[in-house]
Protein backbone atom coordinates (compact mmCIF):
# COMPACT_ATOMS: atom_id res chain seq x y z
CA MET A 1 -178.37 0.85 32.09
CA CYS A 2 -176.06 0.42 29.09
CA PHE A 3 -178.08 2.69 26.77
CA ALA A 4 -179.81 5.14 29.13
CA ASN A 5 -178.25 8.18 27.42
CA LYS A 6 -175.19 9.30 25.47
CA LYS A 7 -173.00 9.23 28.54
CA ALA A 8 -174.09 5.68 29.37
CA ILE A 9 -173.28 4.54 25.82
CA LYS A 10 -169.76 5.98 26.05
CA GLN A 11 -169.31 4.35 29.45
CA THR A 12 -170.43 1.01 27.99
CA CYS A 13 -167.91 1.28 25.14
CA TYR A 14 -165.20 2.13 27.66
CA LEU A 15 -166.00 -0.90 29.84
CA LEU A 16 -165.98 -3.20 26.79
CA GLN A 17 -162.36 -2.35 26.06
CA CYS A 18 -160.99 -2.10 29.59
CA ASP A 19 -158.15 -4.33 30.81
CA VAL A 20 -160.25 -6.33 33.28
CA LYS A 21 -161.51 -9.46 31.55
CA LYS A 22 -164.49 -10.02 33.85
CA THR A 23 -165.69 -6.45 33.31
CA ARG A 24 -165.51 -6.86 29.52
CA LEU A 25 -167.53 -10.07 29.52
CA ASP A 26 -170.08 -8.76 32.03
CA THR A 27 -170.60 -5.63 29.92
CA LEU A 28 -171.18 -7.79 26.85
CA LYS A 29 -173.86 -9.73 28.76
CA CYS A 30 -175.45 -6.43 29.79
CA ILE A 31 -175.59 -5.35 26.14
CA GLN A 32 -177.22 -8.65 25.17
CA ALA A 33 -179.96 -8.06 27.74
CA GLU A 34 -180.61 -4.34 27.10
CA LEU A 35 -179.75 -3.68 23.47
CA LYS A 36 -183.24 -3.89 21.93
CA GLN A 37 -184.98 -1.72 24.51
CA GLY A 38 -182.01 0.64 24.64
CA LEU A 39 -182.08 1.27 20.90
CA LEU A 40 -185.81 2.01 21.02
CA THR A 41 -185.43 4.59 23.79
CA ALA A 42 -181.91 6.03 23.47
CA ASP A 43 -180.95 8.35 20.63
CA VAL A 44 -178.22 6.11 19.16
CA GLU A 45 -176.54 7.62 16.11
CA TYR A 46 -174.14 6.29 13.50
CA THR A 47 -171.07 7.40 15.45
CA ASP A 48 -172.34 5.66 18.60
CA MET A 49 -172.81 2.40 16.71
CA MET A 50 -169.34 2.66 15.17
CA GLN A 51 -167.83 3.16 18.64
CA LEU A 52 -169.76 0.14 19.87
CA TRP A 53 -168.41 -2.03 17.04
CA LYS A 54 -164.88 -0.78 17.70
CA ALA A 55 -165.34 -1.93 21.30
CA PHE A 56 -166.59 -5.34 20.11
CA TRP A 57 -163.47 -5.64 17.97
CA LEU A 58 -161.22 -4.85 20.93
CA VAL A 59 -163.05 -7.33 23.18
CA LEU A 60 -162.12 -10.10 20.77
CA TYR A 61 -158.64 -8.67 20.23
CA LYS A 62 -157.84 -8.91 23.96
CA GLU A 63 -159.14 -12.47 24.37
CA ASP A 64 -156.61 -15.32 24.08
CA LYS A 65 -158.62 -18.44 24.94
CA THR A 66 -160.06 -20.14 21.87
CA GLU A 67 -163.37 -21.20 23.41
CA ILE A 68 -164.12 -17.71 24.74
CA GLN A 69 -163.07 -16.17 21.41
CA GLU A 70 -165.64 -18.29 19.57
CA GLN A 71 -168.32 -17.47 22.14
CA ILE A 72 -167.65 -13.72 21.87
CA ALA A 73 -167.81 -13.87 18.07
CA GLU A 74 -171.10 -15.78 18.16
CA ASP A 75 -172.62 -13.48 20.81
CA VAL A 76 -171.69 -10.30 18.94
CA ALA A 77 -173.01 -11.70 15.64
CA ALA A 78 -176.28 -12.78 17.29
CA LEU A 79 -176.88 -9.24 18.58
CA ILE A 80 -178.48 -8.37 15.25
CA PHE A 81 -181.52 -10.36 16.39
CA GLU A 82 -181.79 -7.92 19.33
CA THR A 83 -181.83 -4.84 17.10
CA PRO A 84 -185.25 -3.46 16.09
CA THR A 85 -186.07 -3.31 12.41
CA LEU A 86 -187.58 -0.19 10.88
CA LYS A 87 -191.01 -1.81 10.98
CA GLU A 88 -190.67 -2.62 14.69
CA PHE A 89 -189.45 0.91 15.41
CA LEU A 90 -192.41 2.51 13.64
CA GLU A 91 -194.86 0.20 15.42
CA ALA A 92 -193.29 1.01 18.80
CA TYR A 93 -193.85 4.75 18.24
CA ASN A 94 -197.17 4.34 16.39
CA LEU A 95 -195.82 5.94 13.20
CA ASP A 96 -196.59 5.39 9.55
CA SER A 97 -194.01 4.54 6.86
CA GLU A 98 -193.10 8.24 6.50
CA GLY A 99 -192.53 8.75 10.22
CA ASN A 100 -195.74 10.65 10.95
CA PRO A 101 -198.06 9.74 13.84
CA ILE A 102 -200.84 7.46 12.61
CA GLY A 103 -203.59 9.55 14.33
CA GLN A 104 -202.26 12.84 12.99
CA ALA A 105 -204.47 12.79 9.89
CA GLU A 106 -207.62 12.43 12.01
CA GLU A 107 -206.53 15.26 14.31
CA GLN A 108 -205.88 17.51 11.32
CA GLY A 109 -209.36 16.74 10.00
CA GLU A 110 -210.93 17.69 13.33
CA GLU A 111 -208.90 20.93 13.45
CA GLU A 112 -210.06 21.84 9.94
CA GLU A 113 -213.68 21.24 10.93
CA GLU A 114 -213.26 23.44 14.01
CA GLN A 115 -211.64 26.12 11.87
CA LEU A 116 -214.59 26.05 9.48
CA GLU A 117 -216.99 26.41 12.40
CA ASP A 118 -214.97 29.39 13.70
CA ASP A 119 -215.04 30.97 10.25
CA SER A 120 -218.82 30.62 10.08
CA ASP A 121 -219.18 32.27 13.52
CA ILE A 122 -217.01 35.20 12.42
CA LYS A 123 -219.09 35.65 9.31
CA ASP A 124 -222.28 35.77 11.40
CA LEU A 125 -220.70 38.32 13.75
CA LYS A 126 -219.68 40.55 10.85
CA LYS A 127 -223.21 40.45 9.53
CA GLU A 128 -224.58 41.56 12.91
CA LEU A 129 -222.04 44.42 13.13
CA ALA A 130 -222.99 45.57 9.67
CA LYS A 131 -226.62 45.69 10.70
CA MET A 132 -225.71 47.65 13.86
CA GLU A 133 -223.75 50.21 11.84
CA ASP A 134 -226.73 50.76 9.56
CA ASN A 135 -229.01 51.28 12.52
CA GLU A 136 -229.19 55.06 13.36
CA GLU A 137 -230.61 54.39 16.77
CA TYR A 138 -227.28 52.74 17.73
CA TYR A 139 -225.35 55.99 17.18
CA GLU A 140 -227.95 58.12 18.98
CA GLU A 141 -227.74 55.94 22.07
CA TYR A 142 -223.95 55.99 21.87
CA TYR A 143 -223.61 59.80 21.84
CA GLU A 144 -226.32 60.35 24.46
CA GLU A 145 -223.92 58.85 27.04
CA GLY A 146 -221.58 61.87 26.63
CA TYR A 147 -218.80 60.38 24.55
CA GLU A 148 -217.24 62.34 21.75
CA GLU A 149 -215.29 61.12 18.81
CA GLY A 150 -212.01 62.47 20.14
CA GLU A 151 -212.47 60.91 23.54
CA GLU A 152 -213.33 57.63 21.91
CA TYR A 153 -210.19 57.79 19.75
CA TYR A 154 -208.06 58.66 22.79
CA GLU A 155 -209.37 55.71 24.73
CA GLU A 156 -208.65 53.43 21.79
CA GLU A 157 -205.11 54.83 21.66
CA GLU A 158 -204.66 54.08 25.37
CA ASP A 159 -205.87 50.56 24.77
CA PHE A 160 -203.39 50.27 21.91
CA GLU A 161 -200.51 51.43 24.13
CA GLU A 162 -201.44 48.92 26.77
CA GLU A 163 -201.52 46.18 24.17
CA GLU A 164 -197.95 47.05 23.17
CA VAL A 165 -196.77 45.34 26.36
CA ALA A 166 -198.26 42.05 25.25
CA PRO A 167 -195.41 40.96 22.91
CA ALA A 168 -192.97 40.93 25.84
CA LYS A 169 -195.20 38.47 27.63
CA VAL A 170 -195.36 36.36 24.46
CA LYS A 171 -191.58 36.44 24.29
CA VAL A 172 -191.29 35.14 27.81
CA ASN A 173 -193.77 32.40 27.03
CA ALA A 174 -191.80 31.60 23.89
CA LYS A 175 -188.65 31.17 25.95
CA LYS A 176 -190.45 28.82 28.26
CA ALA A 177 -191.72 26.87 25.25
CA GLU A 178 -188.26 26.57 23.69
CA PRO A 179 -187.34 23.35 25.57
CA GLU A 180 -190.58 21.77 24.40
CA LYS A 181 -189.79 22.72 20.81
CA ALA A 182 -186.26 21.40 21.24
CA GLU A 183 -187.63 18.11 22.51
CA GLU A 184 -189.98 17.91 19.54
CA GLN A 185 -187.07 18.66 17.19
CA GLU A 186 -184.92 15.96 18.84
CA GLU A 187 -187.78 13.49 18.54
CA PHE A 188 -188.14 14.43 14.87
CA ASP A 189 -184.39 13.93 14.29
CA PHE A 190 -184.55 10.59 16.09
CA VAL A 191 -187.32 9.35 13.77
CA ASP A 192 -185.78 10.93 10.70
CA ARG A 193 -182.43 9.24 11.34
CA ASN A 194 -184.09 5.84 11.72
CA LEU A 195 -185.82 6.29 8.40
CA GLU A 196 -182.46 7.16 6.87
CA TYR A 197 -180.74 4.15 8.51
CA LYS A 198 -183.64 1.85 7.42
CA GLY A 199 -183.82 0.63 11.00
CA PHE A 200 -181.24 -0.12 13.69
CA SER A 201 -180.71 -3.66 12.38
CA THR A 202 -179.44 -2.32 9.05
CA LEU A 203 -177.30 0.28 10.84
CA PHE A 204 -175.85 -2.41 13.10
CA PHE A 205 -174.82 -4.57 10.13
CA GLN A 206 -173.52 -1.59 8.17
CA CYS A 207 -171.25 -0.47 11.01
CA GLY A 208 -170.02 -4.03 11.42
CA LEU A 209 -168.95 -4.24 7.76
CA GLU A 210 -167.28 -0.82 7.91
CA THR A 211 -165.40 -1.90 11.04
CA PHE A 212 -164.19 -5.07 9.31
CA ALA A 213 -162.93 -3.09 6.31
CA ARG A 214 -161.20 -0.50 8.49
CA GLU A 215 -159.65 -2.78 11.12
CA TRP A 216 -158.69 -5.80 8.99
CA PRO A 217 -155.28 -4.39 7.90
CA THR A 218 -154.32 -3.99 11.58
CA VAL A 219 -154.74 -7.71 12.35
CA ASP A 220 -151.54 -9.73 12.47
CA ILE A 221 -151.38 -13.30 11.19
CA HIS A 222 -151.53 -14.80 14.69
CA ARG A 223 -154.93 -13.22 15.40
CA GLN A 224 -156.52 -13.59 11.96
CA SER A 225 -158.40 -16.82 12.67
CA LYS A 226 -160.60 -15.40 15.45
CA PHE A 227 -161.53 -12.32 13.42
CA MET A 228 -162.24 -14.46 10.36
CA TYR A 229 -164.65 -16.46 12.51
CA MET A 230 -166.27 -13.25 13.75
CA ILE A 231 -166.79 -12.00 10.19
CA ARG A 232 -168.22 -15.36 9.13
CA GLN A 233 -170.66 -15.43 12.02
CA THR A 234 -171.73 -11.80 11.49
CA ILE A 235 -172.57 -12.27 7.81
CA GLN A 236 -174.23 -15.63 8.43
CA GLN A 237 -176.45 -14.31 11.23
CA ALA A 238 -177.27 -11.16 9.25
CA ILE A 239 -178.51 -13.12 6.23
CA LEU A 240 -180.55 -15.44 8.44
CA PHE A 241 -181.96 -12.40 10.24
CA GLY A 242 -182.84 -10.82 6.92
CA LEU A 243 -184.70 -13.92 5.75
CA LYS A 244 -186.64 -14.28 9.00
CA LYS A 245 -187.48 -10.59 9.53
CA ASP A 246 -188.07 -9.63 5.87
CA GLU A 247 -184.90 -7.50 5.88
CA TYR A 248 -183.10 -9.65 3.32
CA ALA A 249 -182.95 -6.92 0.66
CA ASN A 250 -181.36 -4.41 3.07
CA ILE A 251 -178.69 -6.90 4.19
CA ILE A 252 -177.74 -7.81 0.61
CA GLU A 253 -177.76 -4.11 -0.33
CA LYS A 254 -175.25 -3.26 2.42
CA LEU A 255 -172.95 -6.11 1.38
CA ASP A 256 -173.16 -4.90 -2.21
CA GLN A 257 -172.46 -1.27 -1.25
CA LEU A 258 -169.64 -1.83 1.25
CA ILE A 259 -167.88 -5.05 0.22
CA PHE A 260 -168.55 -5.78 -3.46
CA ASN A 261 -167.84 -2.19 -4.42
CA LEU A 262 -164.67 -1.79 -6.45
CA ASP A 263 -164.50 2.01 -6.10
CA LEU A 264 -164.90 1.86 -2.32
CA MET A 265 -162.45 -1.02 -2.13
CA ASN A 266 -159.79 1.03 -3.92
CA MET A 267 -160.56 4.20 -1.93
CA LEU A 268 -160.30 2.45 1.45
CA GLN A 269 -157.43 0.25 0.23
CA MET A 270 -159.43 -2.72 1.41
CA PRO A 271 -157.22 -5.83 1.66
CA GLN A 272 -157.81 -8.48 -0.98
CA SER A 273 -157.69 -11.18 1.69
CA LEU A 274 -160.88 -9.79 3.27
CA ILE A 275 -162.74 -9.99 -0.06
CA LEU A 276 -161.53 -13.56 -0.62
CA HIS A 277 -162.66 -14.55 2.86
CA ILE A 278 -166.13 -13.07 2.35
CA LEU A 279 -166.41 -14.86 -1.01
CA ASP A 280 -165.62 -18.10 0.79
CA ILE A 281 -168.35 -17.28 3.32
CA TRP A 282 -170.73 -16.58 0.44
CA VAL A 283 -170.35 -20.12 -0.91
CA ASP A 284 -171.18 -21.67 2.44
CA MET A 285 -174.06 -19.26 3.03
CA ILE A 286 -175.75 -20.14 -0.27
CA ARG A 287 -175.73 -23.81 0.68
CA PHE A 288 -176.64 -23.12 4.29
CA VAL A 289 -179.68 -20.92 3.79
CA SER A 290 -180.98 -22.99 0.86
CA THR A 291 -181.12 -26.10 3.04
CA LYS A 292 -181.87 -24.67 6.50
CA TYR A 293 -184.39 -21.96 5.63
CA GLU A 294 -187.76 -23.44 4.64
CA ASN A 295 -189.10 -20.39 2.77
CA PHE A 296 -186.02 -19.95 0.59
CA ASN A 297 -187.08 -19.56 -3.06
CA LYS A 298 -185.73 -18.78 -6.52
CA ASP A 299 -185.97 -15.01 -5.95
CA ASP A 300 -183.86 -15.27 -2.78
CA LEU A 301 -181.24 -17.25 -4.68
CA LYS A 302 -181.24 -14.71 -7.50
CA ASN A 303 -180.90 -11.80 -5.07
CA ILE A 304 -177.99 -13.43 -3.26
CA MET A 305 -176.16 -14.06 -6.56
CA ILE A 306 -176.70 -10.68 -8.27
CA PRO A 307 -174.09 -8.83 -6.11
CA ILE A 308 -171.51 -11.47 -7.08
CA ILE A 309 -172.44 -11.22 -10.76
CA ASN A 310 -172.26 -7.41 -10.66
CA PHE A 311 -168.90 -7.59 -8.90
CA THR A 312 -167.59 -9.98 -11.57
CA THR A 313 -168.42 -7.46 -14.31
CA LYS A 314 -165.95 -5.01 -12.73
CA ASP A 315 -162.21 -4.83 -13.30
CA ILE A 316 -161.33 -7.16 -10.42
CA THR A 317 -157.97 -8.83 -9.83
CA PRO A 318 -157.22 -12.30 -11.27
CA GLN A 319 -157.10 -13.76 -7.74
CA ILE A 320 -160.63 -12.53 -6.95
CA LEU A 321 -161.92 -13.69 -10.34
CA ALA A 322 -160.43 -17.14 -9.77
CA ALA A 323 -162.07 -17.32 -6.34
CA ILE A 324 -165.46 -16.41 -7.84
CA THR A 325 -165.28 -18.83 -10.76
CA GLU A 326 -163.77 -21.77 -8.87
CA ASP A 327 -165.37 -21.41 -5.45
CA ILE A 328 -168.80 -20.00 -6.32
CA PHE A 329 -169.60 -20.75 -9.98
CA ASN A 330 -168.20 -24.29 -9.93
CA GLU A 331 -169.62 -24.99 -6.49
CA PHE A 332 -173.05 -23.86 -7.67
CA THR A 333 -173.29 -26.58 -10.33
CA ASP A 334 -171.49 -29.21 -8.28
CA LEU A 335 -172.96 -32.72 -8.64
CA GLN A 336 -172.37 -33.73 -5.03
CA PHE A 337 -175.85 -33.19 -3.63
CA GLU A 338 -179.08 -35.17 -3.67
CA ARG A 339 -182.13 -33.71 -5.38
CA THR A 340 -183.43 -32.34 -2.08
CA GLU A 341 -180.21 -30.33 -1.54
CA ALA A 342 -179.20 -29.34 -5.08
CA LEU A 343 -179.42 -25.65 -5.95
CA ALA A 344 -180.95 -26.61 -9.30
CA ARG A 345 -184.34 -26.86 -7.60
CA PHE A 346 -184.34 -23.05 -7.34
CA LEU A 347 -183.53 -22.53 -11.03
CA THR A 348 -185.98 -22.04 -13.88
CA LYS A 349 -185.64 -22.68 -17.58
CA GLU A 350 -183.74 -20.10 -19.60
CA LEU A 351 -186.07 -17.86 -21.61
CA SER A 352 -185.74 -17.32 -25.34
CA VAL A 353 -185.37 -13.89 -26.94
CA LYS A 354 -189.10 -13.71 -27.74
CA GLU A 355 -190.05 -14.72 -24.21
CA LEU A 356 -187.67 -12.14 -22.73
CA LYS A 357 -189.43 -9.32 -24.57
CA LYS A 358 -192.74 -10.25 -22.96
CA ALA A 359 -191.36 -10.99 -19.48
CA LYS A 360 -190.62 -8.46 -16.75
CA LEU A 361 -187.04 -7.91 -15.66
CA SER A 362 -187.86 -9.15 -12.16
CA ASP A 363 -189.13 -12.43 -13.66
CA TYR A 364 -185.91 -13.17 -15.54
CA PRO A 365 -184.29 -16.50 -14.65
CA LEU A 366 -180.80 -16.30 -13.17
CA GLN A 367 -179.24 -17.39 -16.48
CA ASN A 368 -180.83 -14.48 -18.35
CA VAL A 369 -179.89 -12.03 -15.59
CA ILE A 370 -176.25 -13.07 -15.97
CA GLN A 371 -176.43 -12.65 -19.75
CA ALA A 372 -178.02 -9.22 -19.40
CA LEU A 373 -175.42 -7.98 -16.92
CA SER A 374 -172.52 -9.35 -18.97
CA ALA A 375 -173.88 -7.60 -22.10
CA GLN A 376 -173.33 -4.14 -20.58
CA LYS A 377 -170.83 -1.92 -22.38
CA GLU A 378 -168.35 -1.65 -19.52
CA ALA A 379 -168.76 -5.26 -18.34
CA LYS A 380 -165.57 -7.25 -17.82
CA ASN A 381 -164.96 -11.02 -17.66
CA GLN A 382 -167.79 -11.73 -20.10
CA GLU A 383 -166.46 -15.18 -21.01
CA ALA A 384 -166.55 -16.39 -17.40
CA LEU A 385 -170.08 -15.05 -16.92
CA LEU A 386 -171.48 -16.52 -20.14
CA GLU A 387 -169.86 -19.86 -19.38
CA PHE A 388 -171.49 -19.83 -15.95
CA ALA A 389 -174.89 -19.04 -17.52
CA ALA A 390 -174.48 -21.93 -19.96
CA ASN A 391 -173.47 -24.28 -17.14
CA LEU A 392 -176.56 -23.24 -15.18
CA SER A 393 -178.82 -24.14 -18.11
CA GLU A 394 -177.14 -27.54 -18.52
CA TYR A 395 -177.30 -28.10 -14.77
CA HIS A 396 -181.03 -27.31 -14.74
CA GLU A 397 -181.73 -29.65 -17.68
CA LEU A 398 -179.75 -32.46 -16.08
CA PHE A 399 -181.56 -31.98 -12.77
CA ASN A 400 -184.94 -32.38 -14.49
CA SER A 401 -183.88 -35.57 -16.27
CA PRO A 402 -183.56 -39.12 -14.86
CA GLU A 403 -179.83 -39.02 -15.65
CA TYR A 404 -179.14 -36.75 -12.67
CA ASP A 405 -179.14 -39.62 -10.17
CA SER A 406 -176.73 -41.67 -12.28
CA ALA A 407 -174.45 -38.64 -12.82
CA ILE A 408 -173.76 -38.40 -9.09
CA LYS A 409 -170.55 -40.23 -8.22
CA ARG A 410 -170.29 -42.02 -4.91
CA ASN A 411 -167.50 -43.26 -2.70
CA PRO A 412 -167.21 -46.97 -1.80
CA ASP A 413 -169.10 -46.29 1.45
CA GLY A 414 -172.08 -44.86 -0.48
CA THR A 415 -171.49 -41.18 0.31
CA ILE A 416 -171.55 -38.68 -2.54
CA MET A 417 -168.21 -37.49 -3.86
CA ASN A 418 -167.82 -33.75 -3.95
CA GLN A 419 -166.67 -32.01 -7.10
CA THR A 420 -163.16 -31.48 -5.77
CA ASP A 421 -162.68 -35.21 -5.24
CA ILE A 422 -164.14 -35.92 -8.68
CA ASP A 423 -161.74 -33.45 -10.30
CA ASN A 424 -158.81 -34.90 -8.35
CA GLU A 425 -159.79 -38.40 -9.39
CA GLU A 426 -159.91 -37.38 -13.05
CA ASN A 427 -156.55 -35.61 -12.79
CA ASN A 428 -155.02 -38.58 -11.01
CA TYR A 429 -156.27 -40.89 -13.76
CA ILE A 430 -154.70 -38.72 -16.47
CA ILE A 431 -151.33 -38.64 -14.66
CA SER A 432 -151.47 -42.37 -13.91
CA ARG A 433 -152.32 -43.24 -17.53
CA ASP A 434 -149.35 -41.24 -18.83
CA ASN A 435 -147.01 -42.98 -16.35
CA VAL A 436 -148.32 -46.44 -17.33
CA LYS A 437 -147.82 -45.59 -21.01
CA LEU A 438 -144.24 -44.56 -20.24
CA ALA A 439 -143.58 -47.76 -18.27
CA LYS A 440 -144.96 -50.00 -21.04
CA ARG A 441 -143.00 -48.25 -23.76
CA ARG A 442 -139.72 -48.55 -21.88
CA HIS A 443 -140.10 -51.90 -20.16
CA LYS A 444 -142.70 -53.76 -22.25
CA LYS A 445 -143.99 -56.79 -20.33
CA GLU A 446 -141.94 -55.86 -17.24
CA TRP A 447 -143.75 -52.53 -16.87
CA ILE A 448 -145.53 -53.64 -13.68
CA ASN A 449 -142.16 -53.74 -11.88
CA HIS A 450 -141.57 -50.04 -12.56
CA VAL A 451 -144.76 -48.47 -11.28
CA TYR A 452 -146.21 -48.00 -7.81
CA LYS A 453 -149.31 -46.26 -6.44
CA MET A 454 -149.22 -43.46 -3.89
CA ASP A 455 -151.90 -40.89 -2.96
CA GLY A 456 -154.17 -42.26 -5.68
CA ILE A 457 -151.59 -41.72 -8.45
CA VAL A 458 -149.61 -44.42 -10.30
CA HIS A 459 -145.98 -43.26 -10.37
CA TYR A 460 -143.23 -44.42 -12.73
CA THR A 461 -139.64 -45.26 -11.75
CA LYS A 462 -136.82 -46.87 -13.65
CA ASP A 463 -136.04 -48.92 -10.52
CA ASN A 464 -137.62 -52.33 -9.98
CA VAL A 465 -139.96 -51.92 -7.02
CA ASN A 466 -141.91 -55.17 -7.34
CA VAL A 467 -139.57 -57.40 -5.27
CA LYS A 468 -140.64 -59.85 -2.58
CA ASN A 469 -137.86 -59.15 -0.12
CA TYR A 470 -138.07 -55.64 1.30
CA GLU A 471 -134.58 -55.92 2.76
CA ASP A 472 -133.04 -56.70 -0.60
CA ASP A 473 -130.22 -54.30 -1.38
CA TYR A 474 -131.55 -54.01 -4.90
CA LEU A 475 -134.65 -52.21 -3.67
CA PRO A 476 -133.89 -48.52 -3.24
CA LYS A 477 -134.43 -47.25 0.29
CA LYS A 478 -137.04 -44.70 -0.84
CA TYR A 479 -139.40 -47.54 -1.84
CA ARG A 480 -139.01 -49.76 1.23
CA TYR A 481 -141.97 -48.18 3.05
CA LEU A 482 -144.42 -49.23 0.29
CA GLU A 483 -147.04 -51.79 1.32
CA LYS A 484 -148.55 -54.48 -0.88
CA GLU A 485 -151.90 -52.70 -1.28
CA GLN A 486 -150.02 -49.62 -2.48
CA ARG A 487 -148.30 -51.78 -5.11
CA ASP A 488 -151.74 -52.55 -6.62
CA VAL A 489 -151.76 -50.08 -9.49
CA GLY A 490 -155.06 -51.26 -10.99
CA ASN A 491 -156.04 -52.68 -14.37
CA TRP A 492 -154.54 -50.96 -17.41
CA ASP A 493 -155.51 -53.44 -20.14
CA ASP A 494 -156.80 -50.57 -22.30
CA ILE A 495 -153.13 -49.70 -22.96
CA ASP A 496 -151.08 -52.17 -25.01
CA ASN A 497 -147.52 -53.18 -24.23
CA ASP A 498 -146.21 -50.53 -26.61
CA GLY A 499 -147.85 -47.82 -24.53
CA TYR A 500 -150.69 -46.99 -26.90
CA SER A 501 -154.36 -46.75 -26.03
CA ILE A 502 -156.34 -49.64 -27.52
CA ARG A 503 -159.51 -47.51 -27.66
CA GLU A 504 -157.74 -44.79 -29.62
CA LYS A 505 -156.44 -47.41 -32.07
CA ASP A 506 -159.91 -48.83 -32.60
CA GLN A 507 -161.31 -45.36 -33.22
CA GLU A 508 -158.58 -44.59 -35.76
CA GLU A 509 -159.20 -47.89 -37.59
């Protein structure tokens, strides 16, 4: 048993990081089979889970084969589905949301009723004794038996001395009961800790993130790829787990507390590369869960974006800000997806100032949430946030208009161009146009002999490259590899032979 007790947990962690490969992999399989039941029965604490994650890290560290590395990363990440949530833990032990036994209230009610009955019996007995004391015949019968007041007092004193021995017996019984009380206290601590952890699933994910932050600086460049894959899989599986098991808020909360926390990042000296990698994962996760998870809605999208927005309002480095604006904000409004895949379907119309006063904060659209967070006194990078909010509103309006379908650019094969390709195409056009202008200004009608196309860009050269014979000595060697289709620089009739744009001339006139 991997989780039978504390000793078994330590033994499991030891076997996970031993030098024998077969033992490591077999132990991982054992954990996969016994983790859920083990967490429900064994008293696993925070330190135990951290040791377990350290062992997972070392398992991957010692593996050199790529296929096994990927399998280990996927298996470890999928273990979160074998961890009981707080709800499952409470149901297993028949507890309410506060950790108390569900039948305890009924038992307390019965005890109170019994106590009331006992109190009524005592009252009746006192009444009878009072009547007996008032009855003179009772005393006459009592003294006729030969007892005197002193003898009676002496006998009571003897009884009192005999009763003095009783506390020792109670002490002995108390010692015998101490283990039972200890067990009850341990059970109470076990439940109390789970309430604090918000379930083993949240604890499992929390310890994973803390391990990533602590161990990432120790990874050399040759081993980074396998750990990057492990981090990607862990976050991806955790978010999917949260959506399926209604633990989404806890997962996002832990990411917000441990990763997108500037104070903690500075205190732990968390590497910037780890933050950039998780931001890259975030982009893919937004697209992944919005298309793969059927019940994904506007509130889920808002919740997954708020940690990023909050993080952007902090005093982050220019590299992190660029990653957020370029990889997340621009990707969000990217026109490379059909209507059934676009994130605009989870957006709502931006509310006016009057509508915001009437609406609840939880009902704010994402655009208004961004505006509200950027309006805080200590908020940084307000321009980037407000620009993103404006782009979201335009993106939502375009999505709800017929022009959205025509705004999507497609490749010759019919596939949709992504925003990166669109931006590259626009940049290539600007560079090509400037080179054509230069060629026409310098060479007039012979301009076509001084340009060539490579990597989608029309380049200029003062050499004549448009010759029929490739072996001609006149052709410089650096142009000999050019093929005829690469010589086709396109149609540039919108630029006259003097290098001026005809459209710009018409507009000026």
